[in-house]
């Protein structure tokens, strides 16, 4: 019985090796690809110089969330917009502020920030309607816990 099993194994190995003996690995065929250019280190964008936080300004304090519940630090925040194009977002309860510059066209404010993320630049858009400033952050800022909200002008 053992001899029969051994013969079966030997026959199986011989059949398998005979079946594989005729095939030879081949390299893929097709058009050759041009060599990729060497990678160069990323050149950082030039630093943006923002205006100083001085001069006449308007202060907008938190009024309400825009679309979802916000945390207490947002409820204690305010935007100060300086007439020369500078701004600061202040989180009063945390004693933290974020600065930058803005441009305004037809009631739409484009905020550019001194802060940034390794994933990309921060940005936000504000909309002025009467005494209300609605601020919406880009996805990178939202993922960094900045929360969309509506602010009201304080005299």
Protein backbone atom coordinates (compact mmCIF):
# COMPACT_ATOMS: atom_id res chain seq x y z
CA UNK A 1 0.00 0.00 0.00
CA UNK A 2 2.82 2.38 0.84
CA UNK A 3 4.55 1.56 -2.43
CA UNK A 4 1.40 2.35 -4.40
CA UNK A 5 1.04 5.71 -2.66
CA UNK A 6 4.67 6.55 -3.36
CA UNK A 7 4.29 5.68 -7.02
CA UNK A 8 1.20 7.90 -7.21
CA UNK A 9 3.08 10.83 -5.72
CA UNK A 10 6.03 10.30 -8.07
CA UNK A 11 3.72 10.05 -11.09
CA UNK A 12 1.92 13.23 -9.99
CA UNK A 13 5.17 15.15 -9.63
CA UNK A 14 6.35 13.95 -13.06
CA UNK A 15 3.05 14.96 -14.71
CA UNK A 16 3.14 18.39 -13.07
CA UNK A 17 6.74 19.04 -14.04
CA UNK A 18 6.08 17.92 -17.62
CA UNK A 19 3.13 20.30 -17.85
CA UNK A 20 5.19 23.24 -16.62
CA UNK A 21 8.33 22.44 -18.59
CA UNK A 22 7.03 23.93 -21.81
CA UNK A 23 6.17 27.34 -20.42
CA UNK A 24 8.82 29.99 -20.13
CA UNK A 25 8.17 33.29 -18.39
CA UNK A 26 8.00 36.15 -20.83
CA UNK A 27 8.48 39.83 -20.29
CA UNK A 28 5.57 42.15 -20.92
CA UNK A 29 5.40 43.57 -24.41
CA UNK A 30 4.27 47.02 -25.34
CA UNK A 31 5.65 50.45 -25.95
CA UNK A 32 8.45 51.65 -23.76
CA UNK A 33 7.68 54.52 -21.43
CA UNK A 34 9.93 57.57 -21.35
CA UNK A 35 11.91 57.93 -18.15
CA UNK A 36 10.21 60.04 -15.51
CA UNK A 37 11.91 63.36 -14.84
CA UNK A 38 13.88 63.42 -11.61
CA UNK A 39 11.95 64.69 -8.61
CA UNK A 40 12.98 68.11 -7.43
CA UNK A 41 12.37 69.44 -3.97
CA UNK A 42 9.17 71.43 -3.69
CA UNK A 43 9.72 75.14 -3.78
CA UNK A 44 7.70 76.81 -1.04
CA UNK A 45 5.48 79.66 -2.19
CA UNK A 46 6.73 83.13 -1.37
CA UNK A 47 5.67 84.38 2.03
CA UNK A 48 2.66 86.66 2.03
CA UNK A 49 3.04 89.91 3.89
CA UNK A 50 -0.17 90.88 5.63
CA UNK A 51 -1.04 94.40 6.81
CA UNK A 52 -0.45 95.33 10.44
CA UNK A 53 -3.34 95.11 12.90
CA UNK A 54 -3.63 98.85 13.38
CA UNK A 55 -6.00 101.63 12.46
CA UNK A 56 -9.75 101.78 12.07
CA UNK A 57 -11.57 98.48 12.40
CA UNK A 58 -14.95 96.76 12.74
CA UNK A 59 -15.56 94.03 15.32
CA UNK A 60 -17.98 91.17 14.66
CA UNK A 61 -18.87 88.93 17.61
CA UNK A 62 -20.35 85.44 17.47
CA UNK A 63 -24.11 85.43 17.04
CA UNK A 64 -25.04 81.87 16.08
CA UNK A 65 -23.91 78.68 14.43
CA UNK A 66 -24.42 78.42 10.70
CA UNK A 67 -25.50 74.81 10.18
CA UNK A 68 -24.55 72.67 13.17
CA UNK A 69 -23.89 73.00 16.90
CA UNK A 70 -20.58 74.74 17.66
CA UNK A 71 -18.33 74.45 20.67
CA UNK A 72 -17.92 77.05 23.40
CA UNK A 73 -14.64 78.41 22.01
CA UNK A 74 -16.46 79.41 18.81
CA UNK A 75 -19.27 80.98 20.82
CA UNK A 76 -16.61 83.15 22.49
CA UNK A 77 -14.93 84.22 19.23
CA UNK A 78 -14.89 87.42 17.21
CA UNK A 79 -13.52 88.77 13.94
CA UNK A 80 -11.84 92.16 13.82
CA UNK A 81 -11.64 93.54 10.27
CA UNK A 82 -9.22 96.45 9.80
CA UNK A 83 -9.88 98.98 7.06
CA UNK A 84 -6.42 98.37 5.55
CA UNK A 85 -7.24 94.70 4.73
CA UNK A 86 -5.88 93.02 7.87
CA UNK A 87 -8.00 90.86 10.14
CA UNK A 88 -7.74 88.81 13.29
CA UNK A 89 -9.95 85.96 14.49
CA UNK A 90 -9.84 85.92 18.28
CA UNK A 91 -10.90 83.05 20.51
CA UNK A 92 -11.39 85.00 23.72
CA UNK A 93 -11.84 82.01 26.04
CA UNK A 94 -8.70 80.31 24.71
CA UNK A 95 -6.54 83.45 24.42
CA UNK A 96 -5.68 82.42 20.85
CA UNK A 97 -5.83 84.50 17.71
CA UNK A 98 -5.32 83.86 14.00
CA UNK A 99 -4.27 86.69 11.68
CA UNK A 100 -4.26 87.35 8.00
CA UNK A 101 -5.46 89.62 5.25
CA UNK A 102 -8.72 89.95 3.38
CA UNK A 103 -10.18 91.41 0.23
CA UNK A 104 -13.80 92.38 -0.16
CA UNK A 105 -15.84 92.55 -3.38
CA UNK A 106 -19.59 93.17 -3.44
CA UNK A 107 -20.07 91.96 0.13
CA UNK A 108 -17.99 88.79 -0.31
CA UNK A 109 -14.81 88.59 1.77
CA UNK A 110 -11.89 86.36 0.86
CA UNK A 111 -9.82 85.57 3.96
CA UNK A 112 -6.15 84.56 3.59
CA UNK A 113 -4.45 83.30 6.74
CA UNK A 114 -0.96 83.50 8.21
CA UNK A 115 -1.59 79.98 9.51
CA UNK A 116 -1.59 76.98 7.23
CA UNK A 117 -1.58 73.20 7.19
CA UNK A 118 0.91 70.74 5.75
CA UNK A 119 -2.07 69.46 3.74
CA UNK A 120 -2.57 72.82 2.03
CA UNK A 121 -3.49 76.46 2.52
CA UNK A 122 -6.22 77.68 4.81
CA UNK A 123 -8.97 79.83 3.36
CA UNK A 124 -12.38 81.08 4.32
CA UNK A 125 -15.14 83.09 2.74
CA UNK A 126 -17.23 85.69 4.49
CA UNK A 127 -20.49 87.22 3.34
CA UNK A 128 -21.59 90.63 4.61
CA UNK A 129 -25.33 91.28 4.78
CA UNK A 130 -26.17 94.39 6.78
CA UNK A 131 -24.57 93.96 10.22
CA UNK A 132 -24.05 90.20 9.79
CA UNK A 133 -20.86 88.45 8.72
CA UNK A 134 -21.27 84.79 7.76
CA UNK A 135 -17.98 82.87 7.74
CA UNK A 136 -17.42 79.52 6.04
CA UNK A 137 -14.06 77.75 6.21
CA UNK A 138 -12.47 75.45 3.66
CA UNK A 139 -12.35 71.74 4.43
CA UNK A 140 -8.80 71.88 5.80
CA UNK A 141 -9.80 74.46 8.38
CA UNK A 142 -12.97 72.60 9.29
CA UNK A 143 -10.87 69.48 9.90
CA UNK A 144 -8.73 71.64 12.22
CA UNK A 145 -11.82 72.51 14.33
CA UNK A 146 -12.72 75.89 12.81
CA UNK A 147 -16.52 76.12 12.80
CA UNK A 148 -18.75 77.99 10.34
CA UNK A 149 -20.72 80.70 12.08
CA UNK A 150 -22.55 84.00 11.83
CA UNK A 151 -21.12 87.10 13.52
CA UNK A 152 -22.79 90.44 14.21
CA UNK A 153 -21.24 93.90 14.04
CA UNK A 154 -20.70 95.56 17.42
CA UNK A 155 -20.55 99.36 17.60
